[in-house]
mmCIF file of all heavy atoms, coordinates in Angstrom:
data_MODEL
# 
_entry.id   MODEL 
# 
loop_
_atom_site.group_PDB 
_atom_site.id 
_atom_site.type_symbol 
_atom_site.label_atom_id 
_atom_site.label_alt_id 
_atom_site.label_comp_id 
_atom_site.label_asym_id 
_atom_site.label_entity_id 
_atom_site.label_seq_id 
_atom_site.pdbx_PDB_ins_code 
_atom_site.Cartn_x 
_atom_site.Cartn_y 
_atom_site.Cartn_z 
_atom_site.occupancy 
_atom_site.B_iso_or_equiv 
_atom_site.pdbx_formal_charge 
_atom_site.auth_seq_id 
_atom_site.auth_comp_id 
_atom_site.auth_asym_id 
_atom_site.auth_atom_id 
_atom_site.pdbx_PDB_model_num 
ATOM 1   N N   . ASP A 1 1  ? 0.862  -1.168 0.000  1.00 0.00 ? 1  ASP A N   1 
ATOM 2   C CA  . ASP A 1 1  ? 0.000  0.000  0.000  1.00 0.00 ? 1  ASP A CA  1 
ATOM 3   C C   . ASP A 1 1  ? 0.910  1.233  0.000  1.00 0.00 ? 1  ASP A C   1 
ATOM 4   O O   . ASP A 1 1  ? 1.510  1.562  1.031  1.00 0.00 ? 1  ASP A O   1 
ATOM 5   C CB  . ASP A 1 1  ? -0.902 -0.027 1.233  1.00 0.00 ? 1  ASP A CB  1 
ATOM 6   C CG  . ASP A 1 1  ? -1.683 1.250  1.437  1.00 0.00 ? 1  ASP A CG  1 
ATOM 7   O OD1 . ASP A 1 1  ? -1.833 2.029  0.486  1.00 0.00 ? 1  ASP A OD1 1 
ATOM 8   O OD2 . ASP A 1 1  ? -2.132 1.468  2.578  1.00 0.00 ? 1  ASP A OD2 1 
ATOM 9   N N   . ILE A 1 2  ? 1.041  1.889  -1.137 1.00 0.00 ? 2  ILE A N   1 
ATOM 10  C CA  . ILE A 1 2  ? 1.991  2.991  -1.295 1.00 0.00 ? 2  ILE A CA  1 
ATOM 11  C C   . ILE A 1 2  ? 1.705  4.117  -0.306 1.00 0.00 ? 2  ILE A C   1 
ATOM 12  O O   . ILE A 1 2  ? 2.628  4.643  0.329  1.00 0.00 ? 2  ILE A O   1 
ATOM 13  C CB  . ILE A 1 2  ? 1.991  3.519  -2.748 1.00 0.00 ? 2  ILE A CB  1 
ATOM 14  C CG1 . ILE A 1 2  ? 2.416  2.408  -3.725 1.00 0.00 ? 2  ILE A CG1 1 
ATOM 15  C CG2 . ILE A 1 2  ? 2.907  4.722  -2.892 1.00 0.00 ? 2  ILE A CG2 1 
ATOM 16  C CD1 . ILE A 1 2  ? 3.787  1.830  -3.461 1.00 0.00 ? 2  ILE A CD1 1 
ATOM 17  N N   . LEU A 1 3  ? 0.457  4.509  -0.140 1.00 0.00 ? 3  LEU A N   1 
ATOM 18  C CA  . LEU A 1 3  ? 0.137  5.589  0.793  1.00 0.00 ? 3  LEU A CA  1 
ATOM 19  C C   . LEU A 1 3  ? 0.454  5.195  2.236  1.00 0.00 ? 3  LEU A C   1 
ATOM 20  O O   . LEU A 1 3  ? 0.975  6.004  3.012  1.00 0.00 ? 3  LEU A O   1 
ATOM 21  C CB  . LEU A 1 3  ? -1.321 6.014  0.654  1.00 0.00 ? 3  LEU A CB  1 
ATOM 22  C CG  . LEU A 1 3  ? -1.665 6.798  -0.608 1.00 0.00 ? 3  LEU A CG  1 
ATOM 23  C CD1 . LEU A 1 3  ? -3.156 7.128  -0.644 1.00 0.00 ? 3  LEU A CD1 1 
ATOM 24  C CD2 . LEU A 1 3  ? -0.835 8.066  -0.708 1.00 0.00 ? 3  LEU A CD2 1 
ATOM 25  N N   . GLY A 1 4  ? 0.146  3.957  2.590  1.00 0.00 ? 4  GLY A N   1 
ATOM 26  C CA  . GLY A 1 4  ? 0.472  3.473  3.929  1.00 0.00 ? 4  GLY A CA  1 
ATOM 27  C C   . GLY A 1 4  ? 1.976  3.465  4.172  1.00 0.00 ? 4  GLY A C   1 
ATOM 28  O O   . GLY A 1 4  ? 2.454  3.862  5.234  1.00 0.00 ? 4  GLY A O   1 
ATOM 29  N N   . CYS A 1 5  ? 2.704  3.031  3.169  1.00 0.00 ? 5  CYS A N   1 
ATOM 30  C CA  . CYS A 1 5  ? 4.160  2.976  3.262  1.00 0.00 ? 5  CYS A CA  1 
ATOM 31  C C   . CYS A 1 5  ? 4.742  4.386  3.389  1.00 0.00 ? 5  CYS A C   1 
ATOM 32  O O   . CYS A 1 5  ? 5.594  4.646  4.245  1.00 0.00 ? 5  CYS A O   1 
ATOM 33  C CB  . CYS A 1 5  ? 4.727  2.257  2.047  1.00 0.00 ? 5  CYS A CB  1 
ATOM 34  S SG  . CYS A 1 5  ? 6.509  2.040  2.098  1.00 0.00 ? 5  CYS A SG  1 
ATOM 35  N N   . LEU A 1 6  ? 4.267  5.300  2.554  1.00 0.00 ? 6  LEU A N   1 
ATOM 36  C CA  . LEU A 1 6  ? 4.745  6.687  2.621  1.00 0.00 ? 6  LEU A CA  1 
ATOM 37  C C   . LEU A 1 6  ? 4.396  7.314  3.969  1.00 0.00 ? 6  LEU A C   1 
ATOM 38  O O   . LEU A 1 6  ? 5.186  8.078  4.530  1.00 0.00 ? 6  LEU A O   1 
ATOM 39  C CB  . LEU A 1 6  ? 4.172  7.509  1.474  1.00 0.00 ? 6  LEU A CB  1 
ATOM 40  C CG  . LEU A 1 6  ? 4.716  7.184  0.084  1.00 0.00 ? 6  LEU A CG  1 
ATOM 41  C CD1 . LEU A 1 6  ? 3.969  7.973  -0.986 1.00 0.00 ? 6  LEU A CD1 1 
ATOM 42  C CD2 . LEU A 1 6  ? 6.217  7.427  0.003  1.00 0.00 ? 6  LEU A CD2 1 
ATOM 43  N N   . GLY A 1 7  ? 3.229  6.980  4.491  1.00 0.00 ? 7  GLY A N   1 
ATOM 44  C CA  . GLY A 1 7  ? 2.838  7.478  5.802  1.00 0.00 ? 7  GLY A CA  1 
ATOM 45  C C   . GLY A 1 7  ? 3.771  6.983  6.895  1.00 0.00 ? 7  GLY A C   1 
ATOM 46  O O   . GLY A 1 7  ? 4.155  7.740  7.795  1.00 0.00 ? 7  GLY A O   1 
ATOM 47  N N   . PHE A 1 8  ? 4.148  5.706  6.820  1.00 0.00 ? 8  PHE A N   1 
ATOM 48  C CA  . PHE A 1 8  ? 5.056  5.131  7.810  1.00 0.00 ? 8  PHE A CA  1 
ATOM 49  C C   . PHE A 1 8  ? 6.419  5.816  7.730  1.00 0.00 ? 8  PHE A C   1 
ATOM 50  O O   . PHE A 1 8  ? 7.010  6.173  8.753  1.00 0.00 ? 8  PHE A O   1 
ATOM 51  C CB  . PHE A 1 8  ? 5.194  3.622  7.579  1.00 0.00 ? 8  PHE A CB  1 
ATOM 52  C CG  . PHE A 1 8  ? 5.518  2.847  8.817  1.00 0.00 ? 8  PHE A CG  1 
ATOM 53  C CD1 . PHE A 1 8  ? 4.515  2.185  9.515  1.00 0.00 ? 8  PHE A CD1 1 
ATOM 54  C CD2 . PHE A 1 8  ? 6.799  2.782  9.301  1.00 0.00 ? 8  PHE A CD2 1 
ATOM 55  C CE1 . PHE A 1 8  ? 4.807  1.463  10.672 1.00 0.00 ? 8  PHE A CE1 1 
ATOM 56  C CE2 . PHE A 1 8  ? 7.105  2.068  10.457 1.00 0.00 ? 8  PHE A CE2 1 
ATOM 57  C CZ  . PHE A 1 8  ? 6.108  1.411  11.145 1.00 0.00 ? 8  PHE A CZ  1 
ATOM 58  N N   . ILE A 1 9  ? 6.904  6.018  6.504  1.00 0.00 ? 9  ILE A N   1 
ATOM 59  C CA  . ILE A 1 9  ? 8.188  6.699  6.311  1.00 0.00 ? 9  ILE A CA  1 
ATOM 60  C C   . ILE A 1 9  ? 8.119  8.121  6.854  1.00 0.00 ? 9  ILE A C   1 
ATOM 61  O O   . ILE A 1 9  ? 9.044  8.590  7.530  1.00 0.00 ? 9  ILE A O   1 
ATOM 62  C CB  . ILE A 1 9  ? 8.595  6.677  4.821  1.00 0.00 ? 9  ILE A CB  1 
ATOM 63  C CG1 . ILE A 1 9  ? 8.954  5.251  4.403  1.00 0.00 ? 9  ILE A CG1 1 
ATOM 64  C CG2 . ILE A 1 9  ? 9.761  7.630  4.554  1.00 0.00 ? 9  ILE A CG2 1 
ATOM 65  C CD1 . ILE A 1 9  ? 9.116  5.048  2.909  1.00 0.00 ? 9  ILE A CD1 1 
ATOM 66  N N   . LEU A 1 10 ? 7.021  8.805  6.594  1.00 0.00 ? 10 LEU A N   1 
ATOM 67  C CA  . LEU A 1 10 ? 6.856  10.176 7.080  1.00 0.00 ? 10 LEU A CA  1 
ATOM 68  C C   . LEU A 1 10 ? 6.889  10.224 8.605  1.00 0.00 ? 10 LEU A C   1 
ATOM 69  O O   . LEU A 1 10 ? 7.521  11.119 9.192  1.00 0.00 ? 10 LEU A O   1 
ATOM 70  C CB  . LEU A 1 10 ? 5.547  10.772 6.554  1.00 0.00 ? 10 LEU A CB  1 
ATOM 71  C CG  . LEU A 1 10 ? 5.256  12.203 6.981  1.00 0.00 ? 10 LEU A CG  1 
ATOM 72  C CD1 . LEU A 1 10 ? 6.330  13.159 6.474  1.00 0.00 ? 10 LEU A CD1 1 
ATOM 73  C CD2 . LEU A 1 10 ? 3.886  12.630 6.464  1.00 0.00 ? 10 LEU A CD2 1 
ATOM 74  N N   . ILE A 1 11 ? 6.259  9.275  9.259  1.00 0.00 ? 11 ILE A N   1 
ATOM 75  C CA  . ILE A 1 11 ? 6.281  9.225  10.723 1.00 0.00 ? 11 ILE A CA  1 
ATOM 76  C C   . ILE A 1 11 ? 7.713  9.067  11.236 1.00 0.00 ? 11 ILE A C   1 
ATOM 77  O O   . ILE A 1 11 ? 8.130  9.757  12.174 1.00 0.00 ? 11 ILE A O   1 
ATOM 78  C CB  . ILE A 1 11 ? 5.376  8.085  11.251 1.00 0.00 ? 11 ILE A CB  1 
ATOM 79  C CG1 . ILE A 1 11 ? 3.909  8.448  11.012 1.00 0.00 ? 11 ILE A CG1 1 
ATOM 80  C CG2 . ILE A 1 11 ? 5.643  7.795  12.726 1.00 0.00 ? 11 ILE A CG2 1 
ATOM 81  C CD1 . ILE A 1 11 ? 2.948  7.306  11.229 1.00 0.00 ? 11 ILE A CD1 1 
ATOM 82  N N   . ILE A 1 12 ? 8.489  8.190  10.600 1.00 0.00 ? 12 ILE A N   1 
ATOM 83  C CA  . ILE A 1 12 ? 9.879  7.975  11.015 1.00 0.00 ? 12 ILE A CA  1 
ATOM 84  C C   . ILE A 1 12 ? 10.692 9.245  10.790 1.00 0.00 ? 12 ILE A C   1 
ATOM 85  O O   . ILE A 1 12 ? 11.494 9.656  11.641 1.00 0.00 ? 12 ILE A O   1 
ATOM 86  C CB  . ILE A 1 12 ? 10.505 6.774  10.272 1.00 0.00 ? 12 ILE A CB  1 
ATOM 87  C CG1 . ILE A 1 12 ? 9.719  5.481  10.530 1.00 0.00 ? 12 ILE A CG1 1 
ATOM 88  C CG2 . ILE A 1 12 ? 11.987 6.608  10.621 1.00 0.00 ? 12 ILE A CG2 1 
ATOM 89  C CD1 . ILE A 1 12 ? 9.651  5.049  11.965 1.00 0.00 ? 12 ILE A CD1 1 
ATOM 90  N N   . GLU A 1 13 ? 10.496 9.892  9.646  1.00 0.00 ? 13 GLU A N   1 
ATOM 91  C CA  . GLU A 1 13 ? 11.202 11.151 9.361  1.00 0.00 ? 13 GLU A CA  1 
ATOM 92  C C   . GLU A 1 13 ? 10.846 12.218 10.397 1.00 0.00 ? 13 GLU A C   1 
ATOM 93  O O   . GLU A 1 13 ? 11.714 12.963 10.865 1.00 0.00 ? 13 GLU A O   1 
ATOM 94  C CB  . GLU A 1 13 ? 10.870 11.658 7.952  1.00 0.00 ? 13 GLU A CB  1 
ATOM 95  C CG  . GLU A 1 13 ? 11.398 10.801 6.819  1.00 0.00 ? 13 GLU A CG  1 
ATOM 96  C CD  . GLU A 1 13 ? 12.883 10.947 6.547  1.00 0.00 ? 13 GLU A CD  1 
ATOM 97  O OE1 . GLU A 1 13 ? 13.555 11.813 7.150  1.00 0.00 ? 13 GLU A OE1 1 
ATOM 98  O OE2 . GLU A 1 13 ? 13.396 10.176 5.713  1.00 0.00 ? 13 GLU A OE2 1 
ATOM 99  N N   . LEU A 1 14 ? 9.572  12.302 10.751 1.00 0.00 ? 14 LEU A N   1 
ATOM 100 C CA  . LEU A 1 14 ? 9.136  13.290 11.742 1.00 0.00 ? 14 LEU A CA  1 
ATOM 101 C C   . LEU A 1 14 ? 9.733  12.998 13.121 1.00 0.00 ? 14 LEU A C   1 
ATOM 102 O O   . LEU A 1 14 ? 10.121 13.928 13.842 1.00 0.00 ? 14 LEU A O   1 
ATOM 103 C CB  . LEU A 1 14 ? 7.616  13.338 11.813 1.00 0.00 ? 14 LEU A CB  1 
ATOM 104 C CG  . LEU A 1 14 ? 6.918  13.964 10.600 1.00 0.00 ? 14 LEU A CG  1 
ATOM 105 C CD1 . LEU A 1 14 ? 5.406  13.801 10.699 1.00 0.00 ? 14 LEU A CD1 1 
ATOM 106 C CD2 . LEU A 1 14 ? 7.302  15.423 10.433 1.00 0.00 ? 14 LEU A CD2 1 
ATOM 107 N N   . LEU A 1 15 ? 9.803  11.735 13.481 1.00 0.00 ? 15 LEU A N   1 
ATOM 108 C CA  . LEU A 1 15 ? 10.445 11.375 14.755 1.00 0.00 ? 15 LEU A CA  1 
ATOM 109 C C   . LEU A 1 15 ? 11.916 11.790 14.765 1.00 0.00 ? 15 LEU A C   1 
ATOM 110 O O   . LEU A 1 15 ? 12.413 12.309 15.766 1.00 0.00 ? 15 LEU A O   1 
ATOM 111 C CB  . LEU A 1 15 ? 10.325 9.869  15.013 1.00 0.00 ? 15 LEU A CB  1 
ATOM 112 C CG  . LEU A 1 15 ? 8.970  9.363  15.475 1.00 0.00 ? 15 LEU A CG  1 
ATOM 113 C CD1 . LEU A 1 15 ? 8.958  7.831  15.508 1.00 0.00 ? 15 LEU A CD1 1 
ATOM 114 C CD2 . LEU A 1 15 ? 8.617  9.933  16.838 1.00 0.00 ? 15 LEU A CD2 1 
ATOM 115 N N   . GLY A 1 16 ? 12.596 11.561 13.656 1.00 0.00 ? 16 GLY A N   1 
ATOM 116 C CA  . GLY A 1 16 ? 13.998 11.973 13.550 1.00 0.00 ? 16 GLY A CA  1 
ATOM 117 C C   . GLY A 1 16 ? 14.137 13.484 13.659 1.00 0.00 ? 16 GLY A C   1 
ATOM 118 O O   . GLY A 1 16 ? 15.029 13.993 14.352 1.00 0.00 ? 16 GLY A O   1 
ATOM 119 N N   . GLY A 1 17 ? 13.257 14.215 12.990 1.00 0.00 ? 17 GLY A N   1 
ATOM 120 C CA  . GLY A 1 17 ? 13.285 15.670 13.068 1.00 0.00 ? 17 GLY A CA  1 
ATOM 121 C C   . GLY A 1 17 ? 12.969 16.179 14.465 1.00 0.00 ? 17 GLY A C   1 
ATOM 122 O O   . GLY A 1 17 ? 13.597 17.128 14.952 1.00 0.00 ? 17 GLY A O   1 
ATOM 123 N N   . LEU A 1 18 ? 12.012 15.546 15.121 1.00 0.00 ? 18 LEU A N   1 
ATOM 124 C CA  . LEU A 1 18 ? 11.650 15.937 16.482 1.00 0.00 ? 18 LEU A CA  1 
ATOM 125 C C   . LEU A 1 18 ? 12.815 15.697 17.442 1.00 0.00 ? 18 LEU A C   1 
ATOM 126 O O   . LEU A 1 18 ? 13.104 16.523 18.317 1.00 0.00 ? 18 LEU A O   1 
ATOM 127 C CB  . LEU A 1 18 ? 10.413 15.155 16.934 1.00 0.00 ? 18 LEU A CB  1 
ATOM 128 C CG  . LEU A 1 18 ? 9.885  15.458 18.334 1.00 0.00 ? 18 LEU A CG  1 
ATOM 129 C CD1 . LEU A 1 18 ? 9.475  16.925 18.459 1.00 0.00 ? 18 LEU A CD1 1 
ATOM 130 C CD2 . LEU A 1 18 ? 8.711  14.543 18.657 1.00 0.00 ? 18 LEU A CD2 1 
ATOM 131 N N   . SER A 1 19 ? 13.499 14.586 17.270 1.00 0.00 ? 19 SER A N   1 
ATOM 132 C CA  . SER A 1 19 ? 14.662 14.285 18.101 1.00 0.00 ? 19 SER A CA  1 
ATOM 133 C C   . SER A 1 19 ? 15.753 15.334 17.898 1.00 0.00 ? 19 SER A C   1 
ATOM 134 O O   . SER A 1 19 ? 16.361 15.817 18.858 1.00 0.00 ? 19 SER A O   1 
ATOM 135 C CB  . SER A 1 19 ? 15.195 12.890 17.775 1.00 0.00 ? 19 SER A CB  1 
ATOM 136 O OG  . SER A 1 19 ? 16.363 12.613 18.501 1.00 0.00 ? 19 SER A OG  1 
ATOM 137 N N   . ALA A 1 20 ? 16.005 15.692 16.648 1.00 0.00 ? 20 ALA A N   1 
ATOM 138 C CA  . ALA A 1 20 ? 17.019 16.715 16.352 1.00 0.00 ? 20 ALA A CA  1 
ATOM 139 C C   . ALA A 1 20 ? 16.610 18.057 16.957 1.00 0.00 ? 20 ALA A C   1 
ATOM 140 O O   . ALA A 1 20 ? 17.433 18.754 17.564 1.00 0.00 ? 20 ALA A O   1 
ATOM 141 C CB  . ALA A 1 20 ? 17.221 16.834 14.847 1.00 0.00 ? 20 ALA A CB  1 
ATOM 142 N N   . TRP A 1 21 ? 15.349 18.413 16.813 1.00 0.00 ? 21 TRP A N   1 
ATOM 143 C CA  . TRP A 1 21 ? 14.847 19.676 17.356 1.00 0.00 ? 21 TRP A CA  1 
ATOM 144 C C   . TRP A 1 21 ? 14.985 19.707 18.880 1.00 0.00 ? 21 TRP A C   1 
ATOM 145 O O   . TRP A 1 21 ? 15.411 20.705 19.463 1.00 0.00 ? 21 TRP A O   1 
ATOM 146 C CB  . TRP A 1 21 ? 13.394 19.880 16.937 1.00 0.00 ? 21 TRP A CB  1 
ATOM 147 C CG  . TRP A 1 21 ? 12.772 21.088 17.554 1.00 0.00 ? 21 TRP A CG  1 
ATOM 148 C CD1 . TRP A 1 21 ? 12.914 22.390 17.152 1.00 0.00 ? 21 TRP A CD1 1 
ATOM 149 C CD2 . TRP A 1 21 ? 11.933 21.110 18.718 1.00 0.00 ? 21 TRP A CD2 1 
ATOM 150 N NE1 . TRP A 1 21 ? 12.215 23.217 17.994 1.00 0.00 ? 21 TRP A NE1 1 
ATOM 151 C CE2 . TRP A 1 21 ? 11.599 22.456 18.970 1.00 0.00 ? 21 TRP A CE2 1 
ATOM 152 C CE3 . TRP A 1 21 ? 11.439 20.124 19.558 1.00 0.00 ? 21 TRP A CE3 1 
ATOM 153 C CZ2 . TRP A 1 21 ? 10.794 22.838 20.026 1.00 0.00 ? 21 TRP A CZ2 1 
ATOM 154 C CZ3 . TRP A 1 21 ? 10.636 20.502 20.616 1.00 0.00 ? 21 TRP A CZ3 1 
ATOM 155 C CH2 . TRP A 1 21 ? 10.321 21.845 20.840 1.00 0.00 ? 21 TRP A CH2 1 
ATOM 156 N N   . ALA A 1 22 ? 14.637 18.595 19.532 1.00 0.00 ? 22 ALA A N   1 
ATOM 157 C CA  . ALA A 1 22 ? 14.703 18.522 20.991 1.00 0.00 ? 22 ALA A CA  1 
ATOM 158 C C   . ALA A 1 22 ? 16.136 18.506 21.514 1.00 0.00 ? 22 ALA A C   1 
ATOM 159 O O   . ALA A 1 22 ? 16.360 18.717 22.707 1.00 0.00 ? 22 ALA A O   1 
ATOM 160 C CB  . ALA A 1 22 ? 13.954 17.285 21.487 1.00 0.00 ? 22 ALA A CB  1 
ATOM 161 N N   . SER A 1 23 ? 17.093 18.287 20.638 1.00 0.00 ? 23 SER A N   1 
ATOM 162 C CA  . SER A 1 23 ? 18.491 18.192 21.043 1.00 0.00 ? 23 SER A CA  1 
ATOM 163 C C   . SER A 1 23 ? 19.191 19.546 21.097 1.00 0.00 ? 23 SER A C   1 
ATOM 164 O O   . SER A 1 23 ? 20.338 19.634 21.514 1.00 0.00 ? 23 SER A O   1 
ATOM 165 C CB  . SER A 1 23 ? 19.248 17.272 20.084 1.00 0.00 ? 23 SER A CB  1 
ATOM 166 O OG  . SER A 1 23 ? 18.687 15.983 20.139 1.00 0.00 ? 23 SER A OG  1 
ATOM 167 N N   . GLY A 1 24 ? 18.538 20.588 20.640 1.00 0.00 ? 24 GLY A N   1 
ATOM 168 C CA  . GLY A 1 24 ? 19.155 21.910 20.652 1.00 0.00 ? 24 GLY A CA  1 
ATOM 169 C C   . GLY A 1 24 ? 19.955 22.159 19.383 1.00 0.00 ? 24 GLY A C   1 
ATOM 170 O O   . GLY A 1 24 ? 19.700 21.557 18.344 1.00 0.00 ? 24 GLY A O   1 
ATOM 171 N N   . ASN A 1 25 ? 20.938 23.006 19.488 1.00 0.00 ? 25 ASN A N   1 
ATOM 172 C CA  . ASN A 1 25 ? 21.744 23.385 18.328 1.00 0.00 ? 25 ASN A CA  1 
ATOM 173 C C   . ASN A 1 25 ? 22.819 22.324 18.066 1.00 0.00 ? 25 ASN A C   1 
ATOM 174 O O   . ASN A 1 25 ? 23.919 22.399 18.609 1.00 0.00 ? 25 ASN A O   1 
ATOM 175 C CB  . ASN A 1 25 ? 22.368 24.762 18.545 1.00 0.00 ? 25 ASN A CB  1 
ATOM 176 C CG  . ASN A 1 25 ? 22.960 25.320 17.268 1.00 0.00 ? 25 ASN A CG  1 
ATOM 177 O OD1 . ASN A 1 25 ? 23.341 24.578 16.374 1.00 0.00 ? 25 ASN A OD1 1 
ATOM 178 N ND2 . ASN A 1 25 ? 23.026 26.629 17.189 1.00 0.00 ? 25 ASN A ND2 1 
ATOM 179 N N   . LEU A 1 26 ? 22.480 21.375 17.228 1.00 0.00 ? 26 LEU A N   1 
ATOM 180 C CA  . LEU A 1 26 ? 23.383 20.246 16.964 1.00 0.00 ? 26 LEU A CA  1 
ATOM 181 C C   . LEU A 1 26 ? 24.704 20.693 16.343 1.00 0.00 ? 26 LEU A C   1 
ATOM 182 O O   . LEU A 1 26 ? 25.771 20.209 16.716 1.00 0.00 ? 26 LEU A O   1 
ATOM 183 C CB  . LEU A 1 26 ? 22.694 19.238 16.037 1.00 0.00 ? 26 LEU A CB  1 
ATOM 184 C CG  . LEU A 1 26 ? 21.401 18.609 16.533 1.00 0.00 ? 26 LEU A CG  1 
ATOM 185 C CD1 . LEU A 1 26 ? 20.788 17.729 15.466 1.00 0.00 ? 26 LEU A CD1 1 
ATOM 186 C CD2 . LEU A 1 26 ? 21.640 17.833 17.797 1.00 0.00 ? 26 LEU A CD2 1 
ATOM 187 N N   . LYS A 1 27 ? 24.628 21.605 15.378 1.00 0.00 ? 27 LYS A N   1 
ATOM 188 C CA  . LYS A 1 27 ? 25.846 22.027 14.671 1.00 0.00 ? 27 LYS A CA  1 
ATOM 189 C C   . LYS A 1 27 ? 26.830 22.707 15.605 1.00 0.00 ? 27 LYS A C   1 
ATOM 190 O O   . LYS A 1 27 ? 28.031 22.451 15.547 1.00 0.00 ? 27 LYS A O   1 
ATOM 191 C CB  . LYS A 1 27 ? 25.482 22.935 13.499 1.00 0.00 ? 27 LYS A CB  1 
ATOM 192 C CG  . LYS A 1 27 ? 24.822 22.201 12.363 1.00 0.00 ? 27 LYS A CG  1 
ATOM 193 C CD  . LYS A 1 27 ? 24.511 23.119 11.204 1.00 0.00 ? 27 LYS A CD  1 
ATOM 194 C CE  . LYS A 1 27 ? 23.773 22.335 10.125 1.00 0.00 ? 27 LYS A CE  1 
ATOM 195 N NZ  . LYS A 1 27 ? 23.410 23.161 8.988  1.00 0.00 ? 27 LYS A NZ  1 
ATOM 196 N N   . THR A 1 28 ? 26.327 23.568 16.468 1.00 0.00 ? 28 THR A N   1 
ATOM 197 C CA  . THR A 1 28 ? 27.209 24.267 17.404 1.00 0.00 ? 28 THR A CA  1 
ATOM 198 C C   . THR A 1 28 ? 27.828 23.282 18.389 1.00 0.00 ? 28 THR A C   1 
ATOM 199 O O   . THR A 1 28 ? 29.045 23.313 18.633 1.00 0.00 ? 28 THR A O   1 
ATOM 200 C CB  . THR A 1 28 ? 26.435 25.362 18.164 1.00 0.00 ? 28 THR A CB  1 
ATOM 201 O OG1 . THR A 1 28 ? 25.910 26.287 17.210 1.00 0.00 ? 28 THR A OG1 1 
ATOM 202 C CG2 . THR A 1 28 ? 27.330 26.090 19.145 1.00 0.00 ? 28 THR A CG2 1 
# 
């Protein structure tokens, strides 16, 4: 199910982004 698969990938990407955001200024 392409939409289901894309949705699952999007959730994982969002979790990764949320983790990065919660970590503060990673580059610095």
